[in-house]
Amino acid sequence: MVLLQSEEKIPLQVFLRHTIAKLSDDDEFAIAVVDAAYSAETVTAAIIVCSIIPVLIVYPFIQKYFEKGILLGGVKE
């Protein structure tokens, strides 16, 4: 967060943290959440779940590389 000044280059987790912070400070959002019967915690949890989905989709395809790295690191010659 300190090194990257452009919002276009920040990682997903940092972007989500900024979004959650903005939502918690926004009075219009708080009114809309009350009207829609969603709590701020529910919206925060939905954002976090949406950030986990890409990892769950990609991991099965790159799992073999993790296994190779672990096995190579454990071999002692």
N, C-alpha and C. Protein backbone atom coordinates (compact mmCIF):
# COMPACT_ATOMS: atom_id res chain seq x y z
N MET A 1 0.82 -1.19 0.00
CA MET A 1 0.00 0.00 0.00
C MET A 1 0.86 1.25 0.00
N VAL A 2 2.07 1.14 0.51
CA VAL A 2 2.93 2.31 0.59
C VAL A 2 3.66 2.54 -0.73
N LEU A 3 4.13 1.47 -1.36
CA LEU A 3 4.93 1.61 -2.57
C LEU A 3 4.11 1.91 -3.82
N LEU A 4 2.92 1.37 -3.92
CA LEU A 4 2.10 1.55 -5.10
C LEU A 4 1.14 2.71 -4.89
N GLN A 5 1.33 3.76 -5.67
CA GLN A 5 0.47 4.93 -5.54
C GLN A 5 -0.73 4.86 -6.48
N SER A 6 -0.63 4.09 -7.56
CA SER A 6 -1.71 3.99 -8.53
C SER A 6 -2.68 2.90 -8.10
N GLU A 7 -3.98 3.22 -8.12
CA GLU A 7 -4.97 2.23 -7.74
C GLU A 7 -5.13 1.14 -8.80
N GLU A 8 -4.62 1.37 -9.99
CA GLU A 8 -4.71 0.38 -11.06
C GLU A 8 -3.77 -0.80 -10.82
N LYS A 9 -2.74 -0.63 -10.01
CA LYS A 9 -1.72 -1.66 -9.83
C LYS A 9 -1.76 -2.35 -8.48
N ILE A 10 -2.69 -1.98 -7.62
CA ILE A 10 -2.71 -2.58 -6.29
C ILE A 10 -3.29 -3.99 -6.35
N PRO A 11 -2.86 -4.86 -5.44
CA PRO A 11 -3.39 -6.24 -5.40
C PRO A 11 -4.87 -6.25 -5.02
N LEU A 12 -5.52 -7.36 -5.31
CA LEU A 12 -6.95 -7.51 -5.06
C LEU A 12 -7.29 -7.31 -3.58
N GLN A 13 -6.51 -7.89 -2.69
CA GLN A 13 -6.82 -7.79 -1.26
C GLN A 13 -6.75 -6.35 -0.75
N VAL A 14 -5.79 -5.59 -1.25
CA VAL A 14 -5.67 -4.19 -0.84
C VAL A 14 -6.85 -3.39 -1.40
N PHE A 15 -7.21 -3.68 -2.65
CA PHE A 15 -8.38 -3.01 -3.25
C PHE A 15 -9.65 -3.29 -2.45
N LEU A 16 -9.83 -4.54 -2.05
CA LEU A 16 -11.01 -4.89 -1.27
C LEU A 16 -11.02 -4.20 0.08
N ARG A 17 -9.85 -4.10 0.69
CA ARG A 17 -9.76 -3.42 1.99
C ARG A 17 -10.14 -1.95 1.84
N HIS A 18 -9.66 -1.30 0.76
CA HIS A 18 -10.03 0.09 0.50
C HIS A 18 -11.54 0.21 0.27
N THR A 19 -12.10 -0.74 -0.47
CA THR A 19 -13.53 -0.72 -0.76
C THR A 19 -14.35 -0.87 0.52
N ILE A 20 -13.97 -1.80 1.36
CA ILE A 20 -14.69 -2.00 2.62
C ILE A 20 -14.58 -0.76 3.50
N ALA A 21 -13.41 -0.14 3.53
CA ALA A 21 -13.23 1.08 4.34
C ALA A 21 -14.10 2.21 3.80
N LYS A 22 -14.16 2.34 2.46
CA LYS A 22 -15.01 3.39 1.87
C LYS A 22 -16.48 3.13 2.18
N LEU A 23 -16.89 1.87 2.10
CA LEU A 23 -18.29 1.54 2.35
C LEU A 23 -18.69 1.81 3.79
N SER A 24 -17.78 1.56 4.71
CA SER A 24 -18.11 1.78 6.12
C SER A 24 -18.20 3.27 6.45
N ASP A 25 -17.50 4.11 5.68
CA ASP A 25 -17.54 5.56 5.93
C ASP A 25 -18.66 6.27 5.16
N ASP A 26 -19.26 5.59 4.18
CA ASP A 26 -20.25 6.21 3.30
C ASP A 26 -21.64 6.17 3.94
N ASP A 27 -22.21 7.34 4.23
CA ASP A 27 -23.53 7.40 4.87
C ASP A 27 -24.64 6.96 3.93
N GLU A 28 -24.51 7.28 2.64
CA GLU A 28 -25.53 6.86 1.67
C GLU A 28 -25.59 5.34 1.57
N PHE A 29 -24.41 4.71 1.62
CA PHE A 29 -24.37 3.25 1.58
C PHE A 29 -25.02 2.67 2.82
N ALA A 30 -24.78 3.28 3.97
CA ALA A 30 -25.37 2.78 5.21
C ALA A 30 -26.90 2.86 5.15
N ILE A 31 -27.41 3.91 4.56
CA ILE A 31 -28.87 4.05 4.43
C ILE A 31 -29.41 3.00 3.46
N ALA A 32 -28.70 2.79 2.35
CA ALA A 32 -29.13 1.80 1.36
C ALA A 32 -29.09 0.39 1.95
N VAL A 33 -28.09 0.11 2.77
CA VAL A 33 -27.97 -1.21 3.39
C VAL A 33 -29.12 -1.45 4.35
N VAL A 34 -29.49 -0.43 5.12
CA VAL A 34 -30.60 -0.57 6.06
C VAL A 34 -31.90 -0.80 5.29
N ASP A 35 -32.09 -0.06 4.19
CA ASP A 35 -33.30 -0.22 3.39
C ASP A 35 -33.36 -1.60 2.73
N ALA A 36 -32.22 -2.16 2.37
CA ALA A 36 -32.19 -3.45 1.69
C ALA A 36 -32.13 -4.62 2.67
N ALA A 37 -32.09 -4.35 3.95
CA ALA A 37 -32.05 -5.37 5.00
C ALA A 37 -30.76 -6.18 4.99
N TYR A 38 -29.67 -5.58 4.54
CA TYR A 38 -28.35 -6.21 4.61
C TYR A 38 -27.50 -5.43 5.60
N SER A 39 -26.76 -6.14 6.41
CA SER A 39 -25.88 -5.44 7.34
C SER A 39 -24.54 -5.19 6.66
N ALA A 40 -23.75 -4.31 7.24
CA ALA A 40 -22.43 -4.01 6.69
C ALA A 40 -21.54 -5.25 6.75
N GLU A 41 -21.75 -6.08 7.78
CA GLU A 41 -20.96 -7.31 7.89
C GLU A 41 -21.30 -8.28 6.77
N THR A 42 -22.56 -8.31 6.35
CA THR A 42 -22.97 -9.19 5.26
C THR A 42 -22.31 -8.78 3.96
N VAL A 43 -22.28 -7.49 3.70
CA VAL A 43 -21.64 -6.99 2.48
C VAL A 43 -20.14 -7.26 2.52
N THR A 44 -19.52 -7.06 3.67
CA THR A 44 -18.09 -7.34 3.82
C THR A 44 -17.80 -8.82 3.58
N ALA A 45 -18.62 -9.69 4.12
CA ALA A 45 -18.42 -11.13 3.91
C ALA A 45 -18.60 -11.50 2.44
N ALA A 46 -19.55 -10.87 1.76
CA ALA A 46 -19.75 -11.14 0.34
C ALA A 46 -18.55 -10.71 -0.48
N ILE A 47 -17.96 -9.59 -0.14
CA ILE A 47 -16.76 -9.11 -0.85
C ILE A 47 -15.61 -10.09 -0.63
N ILE A 48 -15.44 -10.57 0.58
CA ILE A 48 -14.35 -11.51 0.88
C ILE A 48 -14.54 -12.83 0.16
N VAL A 49 -15.76 -13.33 0.12
CA VAL A 49 -16.04 -14.58 -0.59
C VAL A 49 -15.75 -14.42 -2.08
N CYS A 50 -16.12 -13.28 -2.64
CA CYS A 50 -15.84 -13.02 -4.06
C CYS A 50 -14.34 -12.94 -4.34
N SER A 51 -13.55 -12.55 -3.36
CA SER A 51 -12.11 -12.50 -3.56
C SER A 51 -11.48 -13.89 -3.49
N ILE A 52 -12.13 -14.85 -2.82
CA ILE A 52 -11.60 -16.20 -2.69
C ILE A 52 -11.89 -17.04 -3.93
N ILE A 53 -12.97 -16.75 -4.63
CA ILE A 53 -13.40 -17.56 -5.77
C ILE A 53 -12.33 -17.72 -6.84
N PRO A 54 -11.61 -16.66 -7.27
CA PRO A 54 -10.55 -16.88 -8.29
C PRO A 54 -9.46 -17.85 -7.83
N VAL A 55 -9.11 -17.80 -6.57
CA VAL A 55 -8.09 -18.71 -6.05
C VAL A 55 -8.59 -20.15 -6.11
N LEU A 56 -9.83 -20.36 -5.75
CA LEU A 56 -10.40 -21.71 -5.79
C LEU A 56 -10.51 -22.25 -7.21
N ILE A 57 -10.69 -21.38 -8.17
CA ILE A 57 -10.78 -21.81 -9.56
C ILE A 57 -9.41 -22.15 -10.12
N VAL A 58 -8.39 -21.38 -9.80
CA VAL A 58 -7.05 -21.54 -10.38
C VAL A 58 -6.26 -22.65 -9.68
N TYR A 59 -6.44 -22.84 -8.39
CA TYR A 59 -5.61 -23.76 -7.62
C TYR A 59 -5.56 -25.18 -8.17
N PRO A 60 -6.66 -25.80 -8.58
CA PRO A 60 -6.56 -27.18 -9.09
C PRO A 60 -5.64 -27.32 -10.31
N PHE A 61 -5.54 -26.27 -11.11
CA PHE A 61 -4.70 -26.33 -12.30
C PHE A 61 -3.22 -26.20 -11.99
N ILE A 62 -2.88 -25.51 -10.91
CA ILE A 62 -1.46 -25.33 -10.57
C ILE A 62 -1.02 -26.15 -9.37
N GLN A 63 -1.88 -27.04 -8.89
CA GLN A 63 -1.57 -27.86 -7.72
C GLN A 63 -0.35 -28.74 -7.96
N LYS A 64 -0.19 -29.28 -9.17
CA LYS A 64 0.94 -30.17 -9.44
C LYS A 64 2.28 -29.46 -9.26
N TYR A 65 2.32 -28.17 -9.55
CA TYR A 65 3.56 -27.42 -9.38
C TYR A 65 3.88 -27.23 -7.90
N PHE A 66 2.85 -27.05 -7.07
CA PHE A 66 3.08 -26.97 -5.63
C PHE A 66 3.64 -28.29 -5.10
N GLU A 67 3.07 -29.39 -5.56
CA GLU A 67 3.56 -30.71 -5.13
C GLU A 67 5.00 -30.92 -5.52
N LYS A 68 5.37 -30.59 -6.75
CA LYS A 68 6.76 -30.75 -7.20
C LYS A 68 7.71 -29.92 -6.36
N GLY A 69 7.32 -28.70 -6.05
CA GLY A 69 8.16 -27.82 -5.24
C GLY A 69 8.36 -28.35 -3.84
N ILE A 70 7.30 -28.88 -3.26
CA ILE A 70 7.40 -29.44 -1.91
C ILE A 70 8.27 -30.69 -1.91
N LEU A 71 8.10 -31.55 -2.91
CA LEU A 71 8.89 -32.76 -2.98
C LEU A 71 10.37 -32.46 -3.24
N LEU A 72 10.64 -31.48 -4.10
CA LEU A 72 12.03 -31.11 -4.37
C LEU A 72 12.70 -30.53 -3.14
N GLY A 73 11.95 -29.75 -2.37
CA GLY A 73 12.51 -29.16 -1.16
C GLY A 73 12.77 -30.17 -0.07
N GLY A 74 12.06 -31.29 -0.09
CA GLY A 74 12.20 -32.30 0.95
C GLY A 74 13.26 -33.35 0.64
N VAL A 75 13.79 -33.38 -0.61
CA VAL A 75 14.77 -34.37 -0.99
C VAL A 75 16.14 -33.92 -0.50
N LYS A 76 16.82 -34.84 0.19
CA LYS A 76 18.15 -34.52 0.70
C LYS A 76 19.14 -35.48 0.04
N GLU A 77 20.14 -34.92 -0.58
CA GLU A 77 21.13 -35.77 -1.27
C GLU A 77 22.45 -35.78 -0.53
